[in-house]
Amino acid sequence: MPFSLMKRGGVLKLKLEGEVIIRDARALAAALADGLVEEVPVDVETAQLADIDTCILQLLCALSKTARQVTFGDPGEHFLSALERSQLRKALLGTGETI
């Protein structure tokens, strides 16, 4: 599975690595739905991503509107590139500036 989800210290940690593409969308959405039973902040780690589809980025956009708080600590190069291509950088990171 190219993602893992665990609750640690009152924060839901979502780690995306390798290729997270459309075939992973249903499993990721189900895992997030199960993990968001309580209103907890979500920390998304993308440093190990090699590729990410727009549908997964859209899932993350929906997550950012559903979860109490979503943070992207140290976003990886491939993640930032995908945000630029899909024009979702501002929606997910809240800024158009380079990090």
PDB file of N, CA and C in Angstrom:
ATOM      1  N   MET A   1       0.849  -1.174   0.000  1.00  0.00           N
ATOM      2  CA  MET A   1       0.000   0.000   0.000  1.00  0.00           C
ATOM      3  C   MET A   1       0.901   1.246   0.000  1.00  0.00           C
ATOM      4  N   PRO A   2       0.653   2.182  -0.890  1.00  0.00           N
ATOM      5  CA  PRO A   2       1.517   3.362  -0.979  1.00  0.00           C
ATOM      6  C   PRO A   2       1.188   4.457   0.047  1.00  0.00           C
ATOM      7  N   PHE A   3       0.368   4.099   1.025  1.00  0.00           N
ATOM      8  CA  PHE A   3       0.071   5.054   2.082  1.00  0.00           C
ATOM      9  C   PHE A   3      -0.092   4.311   3.401  1.00  0.00           C
ATOM     10  N   SER A   4       0.139   5.036   4.479  1.00  0.00           N
ATOM     11  CA  SER A   4      -0.119   4.485   5.802  1.00  0.00           C
ATOM     12  C   SER A   4      -0.787   5.565   6.628  1.00  0.00           C
ATOM     13  N   LEU A   5      -1.603   5.114   7.555  1.00  0.00           N
ATOM     14  CA  LEU A   5      -2.379   6.023   8.390  1.00  0.00           C
ATOM     15  C   LEU A   5      -2.301   5.516   9.817  1.00  0.00           C
ATOM     16  N   MET A   6      -1.875   6.402  10.723  1.00  0.00           N
ATOM     17  CA  MET A   6      -1.823   6.010  12.130  1.00  0.00           C
ATOM     18  C   MET A   6      -2.117   7.220  12.995  1.00  0.00           C
ATOM     19  N   LYS A   7      -2.714   6.958  14.131  1.00  0.00           N
ATOM     20  CA  LYS A   7      -3.000   8.018  15.078  1.00  0.00           C
ATOM     21  C   LYS A   7      -1.894   8.032  16.116  1.00  0.00           C
ATOM     22  N   ARG A   8      -1.287   9.206  16.294  1.00  0.00           N
ATOM     23  CA  ARG A   8      -0.194   9.332  17.248  1.00  0.00           C
ATOM     24  C   ARG A   8      -0.326  10.679  17.951  1.00  0.00           C
ATOM     25  N   GLY A   9      -0.426  10.640  19.267  1.00  0.00           N
ATOM     26  CA  GLY A   9      -0.479  11.871  20.047  1.00  0.00           C
ATOM     27  C   GLY A   9      -1.634  12.784  19.691  1.00  0.00           C
ATOM     28  N   GLY A  10      -2.786  12.233  19.396  1.00  0.00           N
ATOM     29  CA  GLY A  10      -3.952  13.041  19.058  1.00  0.00           C
ATOM     30  C   GLY A  10      -3.928  13.613  17.654  1.00  0.00           C
ATOM     31  N   VAL A  11      -2.998  13.130  16.831  1.00  0.00           N
ATOM     32  CA  VAL A  11      -2.887  13.578  15.437  1.00  0.00           C
ATOM     33  C   VAL A  11      -2.950  12.359  14.535  1.00  0.00           C
ATOM     34  N   LEU A  12      -3.707  12.472  13.464  1.00  0.00           N
ATOM     35  CA  LEU A  12      -3.760  11.413  12.465  1.00  0.00           C
ATOM     36  C   LEU A  12      -2.639  11.667  11.469  1.00  0.00           C
ATOM     37  N   LYS A  13      -1.705  10.720  11.344  1.00  0.00           N
ATOM     38  CA  LYS A  13      -0.548  10.860  10.461  1.00  0.00           C
ATOM     39  C   LYS A  13      -0.803  10.055   9.189  1.00  0.00           C
ATOM     40  N   LEU A  14      -0.799  10.756   8.059  1.00  0.00           N
ATOM     41  CA  LEU A  14      -0.961  10.130   6.756  1.00  0.00           C
ATOM     42  C   LEU A  14       0.365  10.232   6.020  1.00  0.00           C
ATOM     43  N   LYS A  15       0.948   9.092   5.703  1.00  0.00           N
ATOM     44  CA  LYS A  15       2.213   9.071   4.973  1.00  0.00           C
ATOM     45  C   LYS A  15       1.943   8.544   3.566  1.00  0.00           C
ATOM     46  N   LEU A  16       2.303   9.353   2.569  1.00  0.00           N
ATOM     47  CA  LEU A  16       2.173   8.962   1.173  1.00  0.00           C
ATOM     48  C   LEU A  16       3.570   8.715   0.632  1.00  0.00           C
ATOM     49  N   GLU A  17       3.768   7.560  -0.010  1.00  0.00           N
ATOM     50  CA  GLU A  17       5.094   7.253  -0.541  1.00  0.00           C
ATOM     51  C   GLU A  17       4.991   6.447  -1.818  1.00  0.00           C
ATOM     52  N   GLY A  18       6.017   6.554  -2.634  1.00  0.00           N
ATOM     53  CA  GLY A  18       6.006   5.861  -3.921  1.00  0.00           C
ATOM     54  C   GLY A  18       5.010   6.522  -4.856  1.00  0.00           C
ATOM     55  N   GLU A  19       4.246   5.704  -5.554  1.00  0.00           N
ATOM     56  CA  GLU A  19       3.217   6.201  -6.463  1.00  0.00           C
ATOM     57  C   GLU A  19       1.853   6.036  -5.814  1.00  0.00           C
ATOM     58  N   VAL A  20       1.152   7.140  -5.631  1.00  0.00           N
ATOM     59  CA  VAL A  20      -0.216   7.103  -5.112  1.00  0.00           C
ATOM     60  C   VAL A  20      -1.095   7.599  -6.252  1.00  0.00           C
ATOM     61  N   ILE A  21      -1.792   6.654  -6.879  1.00  0.00           N
ATOM     62  CA  ILE A  21      -2.532   6.966  -8.100  1.00  0.00           C
ATOM     63  C   ILE A  21      -3.985   6.540  -7.972  1.00  0.00           C
ATOM     64  N   ILE A  22      -4.720   6.686  -9.048  1.00  0.00           N
ATOM     65  CA  ILE A  22      -6.162   6.485  -9.030  1.00  0.00           C
ATOM     66  C   ILE A  22      -6.573   5.120  -8.474  1.00  0.00           C
ATOM     67  N   ARG A  23      -5.799   4.086  -8.729  1.00  0.00           N
ATOM     68  CA  ARG A  23      -6.178   2.764  -8.221  1.00  0.00           C
ATOM     69  C   ARG A  23      -6.131   2.700  -6.688  1.00  0.00           C
ATOM     70  N   ASP A  24      -5.472   3.677  -6.057  1.00  0.00           N
ATOM     71  CA  ASP A  24      -5.391   3.730  -4.599  1.00  0.00           C
ATOM     72  C   ASP A  24      -6.458   4.630  -3.971  1.00  0.00           C
ATOM     73  N   ALA A  25      -7.196   5.343  -4.801  1.00  0.00           N
ATOM     74  CA  ALA A  25      -8.127   6.356  -4.299  1.00  0.00           C
ATOM     75  C   ALA A  25      -9.207   5.774  -3.388  1.00  0.00           C
ATOM     76  N   ARG A  26      -9.827   4.681  -3.780  1.00  0.00           N
ATOM     77  CA  ARG A  26     -10.915   4.102  -2.976  1.00  0.00           C
ATOM     78  C   ARG A  26     -10.407   3.652  -1.608  1.00  0.00           C
ATOM     79  N   ALA A  27      -9.275   2.964  -1.581  1.00  0.00           N
ATOM     80  CA  ALA A  27      -8.721   2.485  -0.308  1.00  0.00           C
ATOM     81  C   ALA A  27      -8.297   3.657   0.579  1.00  0.00           C
ATOM     82  N   LEU A  28      -7.705   4.687  -0.023  1.00  0.00           N
ATOM     83  CA  LEU A  28      -7.290   5.858   0.747  1.00  0.00           C
ATOM     84  C   LEU A  28      -8.507   6.583   1.312  1.00  0.00           C
ATOM     85  N   ALA A  29      -9.528   6.771   0.500  1.00  0.00           N
ATOM     86  CA  ALA A  29     -10.747   7.441   0.969  1.00  0.00           C
ATOM     87  C   ALA A  29     -11.388   6.667   2.114  1.00  0.00           C
ATOM     88  N   ALA A  30     -11.439   5.345   2.007  1.00  0.00           N
ATOM     89  CA  ALA A  30     -12.023   4.518   3.069  1.00  0.00           C
ATOM     90  C   ALA A  30     -11.198   4.605   4.347  1.00  0.00           C
ATOM     91  N   ALA A  31      -9.883   4.561   4.218  1.00  0.00           N
ATOM     92  CA  ALA A  31      -9.011   4.644   5.389  1.00  0.00           C
ATOM     93  C   ALA A  31      -9.159   6.002   6.073  1.00  0.00           C
ATOM     94  N   LEU A  32      -9.248   7.059   5.281  1.00  0.00           N
ATOM     95  CA  LEU A  32      -9.421   8.397   5.859  1.00  0.00           C
ATOM     96  C   LEU A  32     -10.775   8.523   6.550  1.00  0.00           C
ATOM     97  N   ALA A  33     -11.816   7.974   5.942  1.00  0.00           N
ATOM     98  CA  ALA A  33     -13.149   8.033   6.551  1.00  0.00           C
ATOM     99  C   ALA A  33     -13.151   7.325   7.902  1.00  0.00           C
ATOM    100  N   ASP A  34     -12.489   6.180   7.974  1.00  0.00           N
ATOM    101  CA  ASP A  34     -12.401   5.443   9.238  1.00  0.00           C
ATOM    102  C   ASP A  34     -11.571   6.212  10.263  1.00  0.00           C
ATOM    103  N   GLY A  35     -10.511   6.844   9.809  1.00  0.00           N
ATOM    104  CA  GLY A  35      -9.607   7.554  10.710  1.00  0.00           C
ATOM    105  C   GLY A  35     -10.144   8.870  11.221  1.00  0.00           C
ATOM    106  N   LEU A  36     -11.117   9.436  10.514  1.00  0.00           N
ATOM    107  CA  LEU A  36     -11.650  10.743  10.899  1.00  0.00           C
ATOM    108  C   LEU A  36     -12.917  10.643  11.736  1.00  0.00           C
ATOM    109  N   VAL A  37     -13.074   9.532  12.449  1.00  0.00           N
ATOM    110  CA  VAL A  37     -14.244   9.367  13.306  1.00  0.00           C
ATOM    111  C   VAL A  37     -14.276  10.479  14.353  1.00  0.00           C
ATOM    112  N   GLU A  38     -13.130  10.791  14.918  1.00  0.00           N
ATOM    113  CA  GLU A  38     -13.019  11.895  15.863  1.00  0.00           C
ATOM    114  C   GLU A  38     -12.467  13.104  15.109  1.00  0.00           C
ATOM    115  N   GLU A  39     -12.751  14.272  15.629  1.00  0.00           N
ATOM    116  CA  GLU A  39     -12.188  15.475  15.011  1.00  0.00           C
ATOM    117  C   GLU A  39     -10.752  15.645  15.475  1.00  0.00           C
ATOM    118  N   VAL A  40      -9.831  15.143  14.679  1.00  0.00           N
ATOM    119  CA  VAL A  40      -8.408  15.247  15.008  1.00  0.00           C
ATOM    120  C   VAL A  40      -7.697  15.951  13.863  1.00  0.00           C
ATOM    121  N   PRO A  41      -6.622  16.648  14.157  1.00  0.00           N
ATOM    122  CA  PRO A  41      -5.827  17.221  13.072  1.00  0.00           C
ATOM    123  C   PRO A  41      -5.130  16.114  12.285  1.00  0.00           C
ATOM    124  N   VAL A  42      -4.855  16.401  11.018  1.00  0.00           N
ATOM    125  CA  VAL A  42      -4.203  15.434  10.131  1.00  0.00           C
ATOM    126  C   VAL A  42      -2.890  16.040   9.650  1.00  0.00           C
ATOM    127  N   ASP A  43      -1.823  15.265   9.763  1.00  0.00           N
ATOM    128  CA  ASP A  43      -0.504  15.660   9.273  1.00  0.00           C
ATOM    129  C   ASP A  43      -0.170  14.747   8.100  1.00  0.00           C
ATOM    130  N   VAL A  44       0.056  15.336   6.936  1.00  0.00           N
ATOM    131  CA  VAL A  44       0.327  14.566   5.716  1.00  0.00           C
ATOM    132  C   VAL A  44       1.811  14.679   5.374  1.00  0.00           C
ATOM    133  N   GLU A  45       2.455  13.533   5.237  1.00  0.00           N
ATOM    134  CA  GLU A  45       3.871  13.480   4.871  1.00  0.00           C
ATOM    135  C   GLU A  45       3.987  13.056   3.413  1.00  0.00           C
ATOM    136  N   THR A  46       4.674  13.879   2.616  1.00  0.00           N
ATOM    137  CA  THR A  46       4.778  13.615   1.178  1.00  0.00           C
ATOM    138  C   THR A  46       6.223  13.548   0.677  1.00  0.00           C
ATOM    139  N   ALA A  47       7.176  13.568   1.578  1.00  0.00           N
ATOM    140  CA  ALA A  47       8.584  13.621   1.178  1.00  0.00           C
ATOM    141  C   ALA A  47       9.018  12.413   0.346  1.00  0.00           C
ATOM    142  N   GLN A  48       8.381  11.261   0.532  1.00  0.00           N
ATOM    143  CA  GLN A  48       8.793  10.035  -0.161  1.00  0.00           C
ATOM    144  C   GLN A  48       7.958   9.729  -1.401  1.00  0.00           C
ATOM    145  N   LEU A  49       7.143  10.691  -1.848  1.00  0.00           N
ATOM    146  CA  LEU A  49       6.316  10.477  -3.038  1.00  0.00           C
ATOM    147  C   LEU A  49       7.166  10.458  -4.299  1.00  0.00           C
ATOM    148  N   ALA A  50       6.829   9.550  -5.208  1.00  0.00           N
ATOM    149  CA  ALA A  50       7.452   9.525  -6.531  1.00  0.00           C
ATOM    150  C   ALA A  50       6.473  10.035  -7.576  1.00  0.00           C
ATOM    151  N   ASP A  51       5.159   9.852  -7.321  1.00  0.00           N
ATOM    152  CA  ASP A  51       4.122  10.308  -8.247  1.00  0.00           C
ATOM    153  C   ASP A  51       2.798  10.350  -7.496  1.00  0.00           C
ATOM    154  N   ILE A  52       1.948  11.285  -7.888  1.00  0.00           N
ATOM    155  CA  ILE A  52       0.625  11.408  -7.277  1.00  0.00           C
ATOM    156  C   ILE A  52      -0.344  11.896  -8.347  1.00  0.00           C
ATOM    157  N   ASP A  53      -1.505  11.247  -8.438  1.00  0.00           N
ATOM    158  CA  ASP A  53      -2.525  11.622  -9.418  1.00  0.00           C
ATOM    159  C   ASP A  53      -3.358  12.793  -8.910  1.00  0.00           C
ATOM    160  N   THR A  54      -3.959  13.481  -9.858  1.00  0.00           N
ATOM    161  CA  THR A  54      -4.842  14.597  -9.509  1.00  0.00           C
ATOM    162  C   THR A  54      -6.016  14.130  -8.657  1.00  0.00           C
ATOM    163  N   CYS A  55      -6.507  12.928  -8.885  1.00  0.00           N
ATOM    164  CA  CYS A  55      -7.637  12.443  -8.082  1.00  0.00           C
ATOM    165  C   CYS A  55      -7.240  12.318  -6.606  1.00  0.00           C
ATOM    166  N   ILE A  56      -6.009  11.972  -6.324  1.00  0.00           N
ATOM    167  CA  ILE A  56      -5.539  11.888  -4.942  1.00  0.00           C
ATOM    168  C   ILE A  56      -5.401  13.297  -4.369  1.00  0.00           C
ATOM    169  N   LEU A  57      -4.932  14.238  -5.176  1.00  0.00           N
ATOM    170  CA  LEU A  57      -4.857  15.630  -4.730  1.00  0.00           C
ATOM    171  C   LEU A  57      -6.258  16.163  -4.412  1.00  0.00           C
ATOM    172  N   GLN A  58      -7.235  15.784  -5.228  1.00  0.00           N
ATOM    173  CA  GLN A  58      -8.616  16.205  -4.966  1.00  0.00           C
ATOM    174  C   GLN A  58      -9.135  15.587  -3.668  1.00  0.00           C
ATOM    175  N   LEU A  59      -8.740  14.352  -3.404  1.00  0.00           N
ATOM    176  CA  LEU A  59      -9.090  13.718  -2.129  1.00  0.00           C
ATOM    177  C   LEU A  59      -8.498  14.501  -0.959  1.00  0.00           C
ATOM    178  N   LEU A  60      -7.265  14.952  -1.119  1.00  0.00           N
ATOM    179  CA  LEU A  60      -6.620  15.747  -0.075  1.00  0.00           C
ATOM    180  C   LEU A  60      -7.313  17.102   0.096  1.00  0.00           C
ATOM    181  N   CYS A  61      -7.806  17.668  -1.001  1.00  0.00           N
ATOM    182  CA  CYS A  61      -8.587  18.910  -0.908  1.00  0.00           C
ATOM    183  C   CYS A  61      -9.861  18.678  -0.108  1.00  0.00           C
ATOM    184  N   ALA A  62     -10.546  17.576  -0.386  1.00  0.00           N
ATOM    185  CA  ALA A  62     -11.756  17.245   0.368  1.00  0.00           C
ATOM    186  C   ALA A  62     -11.420  17.014   1.840  1.00  0.00           C
ATOM    187  N   LEU A  63     -10.302  16.359   2.094  1.00  0.00           N
ATOM    188  CA  LEU A  63      -9.853  16.133   3.465  1.00  0.00           C
ATOM    189  C   LEU A  63      -9.627  17.460   4.180  1.00  0.00           C
ATOM    190  N   SER A  64      -9.034  18.415   3.481  1.00  0.00           N
ATOM    191  CA  SER A  64      -8.741  19.705   4.112  1.00  0.00           C
ATOM    192  C   SER A  64     -10.006  20.482   4.458  1.00  0.00           C
ATOM    193  N   LYS A  65     -11.110  20.144   3.810  1.00  0.00           N
ATOM    194  CA  LYS A  65     -12.385  20.798   4.122  1.00  0.00           C
ATOM    195  C   LYS A  65     -13.170  20.039   5.180  1.00  0.00           C
ATOM    196  N   THR A  66     -12.793  18.778   5.418  1.00  0.00           N
ATOM    197  CA  THR A  66     -13.510  17.923   6.357  1.00  0.00           C
ATOM    198  C   THR A  66     -12.824  17.851   7.712  1.00  0.00           C
ATOM    199  N   ALA A  67     -11.535  17.699   7.707  1.00  0.00           N
ATOM    200  CA  ALA A  67     -10.775  17.544   8.953  1.00  0.00           C
ATOM    201  C   ALA A  67     -10.667  18.879   9.677  1.00  0.00           C
ATOM    202  N   ARG A  68     -10.437  18.810  10.963  1.00  0.00           N
ATOM    203  CA  ARG A  68     -10.287  20.027  11.765  1.00  0.00           C
ATOM    204  C   ARG A  68      -9.123  20.869  11.262  1.00  0.00           C
ATOM    205  N   GLN A  69      -8.011  20.208  10.960  1.00  0.00           N
ATOM    206  CA  GLN A  69      -6.818  20.895  10.461  1.00  0.00           C
ATOM    207  C   GLN A  69      -5.995  19.883   9.671  1.00  0.00           C
ATOM    208  N   VAL A  70      -5.452  20.318   8.539  1.00  0.00           N
ATOM    209  CA  VAL A  70      -4.571  19.471   7.730  1.00  0.00           C
ATOM    210  C   VAL A  70      -3.276  20.244   7.489  1.00  0.00           C
ATOM    211  N   THR A  71      -2.155  19.598   7.806  1.00  0.00           N
ATOM    212  CA  THR A  71      -0.853  20.216   7.571  1.00  0.00           C
ATOM    213  C   THR A  71      -0.021  19.315   6.668  1.00  0.00           C
ATOM    214  N   PHE A  72       0.845  19.951   5.903  1.00  0.00           N
ATOM    215  CA  PHE A  72       1.760  19.254   5.012  1.00  0.00           C
ATOM    216  C   PHE A  72       3.168  19.658   5.417  1.00  0.00           C
ATOM    217  N   GLY A  73       3.728  18.956   6.371  1.00  0.00           N
ATOM    218  CA  GLY A  73       5.077  19.269   6.834  1.00  0.00           C
ATOM    219  C   GLY A  73       6.109  18.817   5.833  1.00  0.00           C
ATOM    220  N   ASP A  74       7.023  19.692   5.482  1.00  0.00           N
ATOM    221  CA  ASP A  74       8.118  19.384   4.564  1.00  0.00           C
ATOM    222  C   ASP A  74       7.629  18.684   3.293  1.00  0.00           C
ATOM    223  N   PRO A  75       6.798  19.370   2.481  1.00  0.00           N
ATOM    224  CA  PRO A  75       6.272  18.726   1.270  1.00  0.00           C
ATOM    225  C   PRO A  75       7.389  18.355   0.297  1.00  0.00           C
ATOM    226  N   GLY A  76       7.278  17.171  -0.276  1.00  0.00           N
ATOM    227  CA  GLY A  76       8.290  16.670  -1.195  1.00  0.00           C
ATOM    228  C   GLY A  76       8.227  17.326  -2.567  1.00  0.00           C
ATOM    229  N   GLU A  77       9.310  17.191  -3.296  1.00  0.00           N
ATOM    230  CA  GLU A  77       9.454  17.787  -4.629  1.00  0.00           C
ATOM    231  C   GLU A  77       8.367  17.320  -5.596  1.00  0.00           C
ATOM    232  N   HIS A  78       8.072  16.014  -5.612  1.00  0.00           N
ATOM    233  CA  HIS A  78       7.067  15.482  -6.536  1.00  0.00           C
ATOM    234  C   HIS A  78       5.672  15.969  -6.161  1.00  0.00           C
ATOM    235  N   PHE A  79       5.422  16.115  -4.872  1.00  0.00           N
ATOM    236  CA  PHE A  79       4.140  16.632  -4.400  1.00  0.00           C
ATOM    237  C   PHE A  79       3.969  18.086  -4.847  1.00  0.00           C
ATOM    238  N   LEU A  80       4.986  18.899  -4.633  1.00  0.00           N
ATOM    239  CA  LEU A  80       4.919  20.306  -5.025  1.00  0.00           C
ATOM    240  C   LEU A  80       4.760  20.459  -6.538  1.00  0.00           C
ATOM    241  N   SER A  81       5.455  19.629  -7.292  1.00  0.00           N
ATOM    242  CA  SER A  81       5.349  19.657  -8.748  1.00  0.00           C
ATOM    243  C   SER A  81       3.933  19.309  -9.197  1.00  0.00           C
ATOM    244  N   ALA A  82       3.332  18.295  -8.577  1.00  0.00           N
ATOM    245  CA  ALA A  82       1.960  17.899  -8.910  1.00  0.00           C
ATOM    246  C   ALA A  82       0.972  19.006  -8.559  1.00  0.00           C
ATOM    247  N   LEU A  83       1.212  19.690  -7.445  1.00  0.00           N
ATOM    248  CA  LEU A  83       0.339  20.810  -7.067  1.00  0.00           C
ATOM    249  C   LEU A  83       0.406  21.923  -8.109  1.00  0.00           C
ATOM    250  N   GLU A  84       1.598  22.206  -8.604  1.00  0.00           N
ATOM    251  CA  GLU A  84       1.763  23.237  -9.621  1.00  0.00           C
ATOM    252  C   GLU A  84       1.047  22.843 -10.914  1.00  0.00           C
ATOM    253  N   ARG A  85       1.246  21.604 -11.355  1.00  0.00           N
ATOM    254  CA  ARG A  85       0.618  21.121 -12.598  1.00  0.00           C
ATOM    255  C   ARG A  85      -0.899  21.180 -12.520  1.00  0.00           C
ATOM    256  N   SER A  86      -1.438  20.820 -11.378  1.00  0.00           N
ATOM    257  CA  SER A  86      -2.888  20.752 -11.219  1.00  0.00           C
ATOM    258  C   SER A  86      -3.495  22.065 -10.731  1.00  0.00           C
ATOM    259  N   GLN A  87      -2.656  23.033 -10.444  1.00  0.00           N
ATOM    260  CA  GLN A  87      -3.074  24.345  -9.939  1.00  0.00           C
ATOM    261  C   GLN A  87      -3.838  24.233  -8.621  1.00  0.00           C
ATOM    262  N   LEU A  88      -3.403  23.309  -7.774  1.00  0.00           N
ATOM    263  CA  LEU A  88      -4.035  23.110  -6.466  1.00  0.00           C
ATOM    264  C   LEU A  88      -3.138  23.545  -5.310  1.00  0.00           C
ATOM    265  N   ARG A  89      -2.037  24.186  -5.619  1.00  0.00           N
ATOM    266  CA  ARG A  89      -1.101  24.591  -4.558  1.00  0.00           C
ATOM    267  C   ARG A  89      -1.774  25.493  -3.530  1.00  0.00           C
ATOM    268  N   LYS A  90      -2.471  26.506  -3.995  1.00  0.00           N
ATOM    269  CA  LYS A  90      -3.107  27.443  -3.074  1.00  0.00           C
ATOM    270  C   LYS A  90      -4.214  26.747  -2.266  1.00  0.00           C
ATOM    271  N   ALA A  91      -4.940  25.849  -2.892  1.00  0.00           N
ATOM    272  CA  ALA A  91      -6.017  25.138  -2.201  1.00  0.00           C
ATOM    273  C   ALA A  91      -5.488  24.273  -1.065  1.00  0.00           C
ATOM    274  N   LEU A  92      -4.339  23.645  -1.268  1.00  0.00           N
ATOM    275  CA  LEU A  92      -3.815  22.735  -0.251  1.00  0.00           C
ATOM    276  C   LEU A  92      -2.797  23.381   0.692  1.00  0.00           C
ATOM    277  N   LEU A  93      -1.970  24.254   0.159  1.00  0.00           N
ATOM    278  CA  LEU A  93      -0.929  24.852   1.008  1.00  0.00           C
ATOM    279  C   LEU A  93      -1.272  26.277   1.435  1.00  0.00           C
ATOM    280  N   GLY A  94      -2.283  26.866   0.818  1.00  0.00           N
ATOM    281  CA  GLY A  94      -2.719  28.190   1.199  1.00  0.00           C
ATOM    282  C   GLY A  94      -1.825  29.319   0.737  1.00  0.00           C
ATOM    283  N   THR A  95      -0.880  29.024  -0.140  1.00  0.00           N
ATOM    284  CA  THR A  95       0.016  30.062  -0.621  1.00  0.00           C
ATOM    285  C   THR A  95       0.453  29.743  -2.036  1.00  0.00           C
ATOM    286  N   GLY A  96       0.726  30.748  -2.786  1.00  0.00           N
ATOM    287  CA  GLY A  96       1.252  30.549  -4.131  1.00  0.00           C
ATOM    288  C   GLY A  96       2.752  30.685  -4.168  1.00  0.00           C
ATOM    289  N   GLU A  97       3.332  30.996  -3.015  1.00  0.00           N
ATOM    290  CA  GLU A  97       4.781  31.217  -2.956  1.00  0.00           C
ATOM    291  C   GLU A  97       5.532  29.915  -2.812  1.00  0.00           C
ATOM    292  N   THR A  98       6.764  29.919  -3.235  1.00  0.00           N
ATOM    293  CA  THR A  98       7.622  28.760  -3.093  1.00  0.00           C
ATOM    294  C   THR A  98       8.009  28.565  -1.642  1.00  0.00           C
ATOM    295  N   ILE A  99       7.990  27.326  -1.192  1.00  0.00           N
ATOM    296  CA  ILE A  99       8.374  27.001   0.186  1.00  0.00           C
ATOM    297  C   ILE A  99       9.867  26.829   0.239  1.00  0.00           C
TER     298      ILE A  99
END
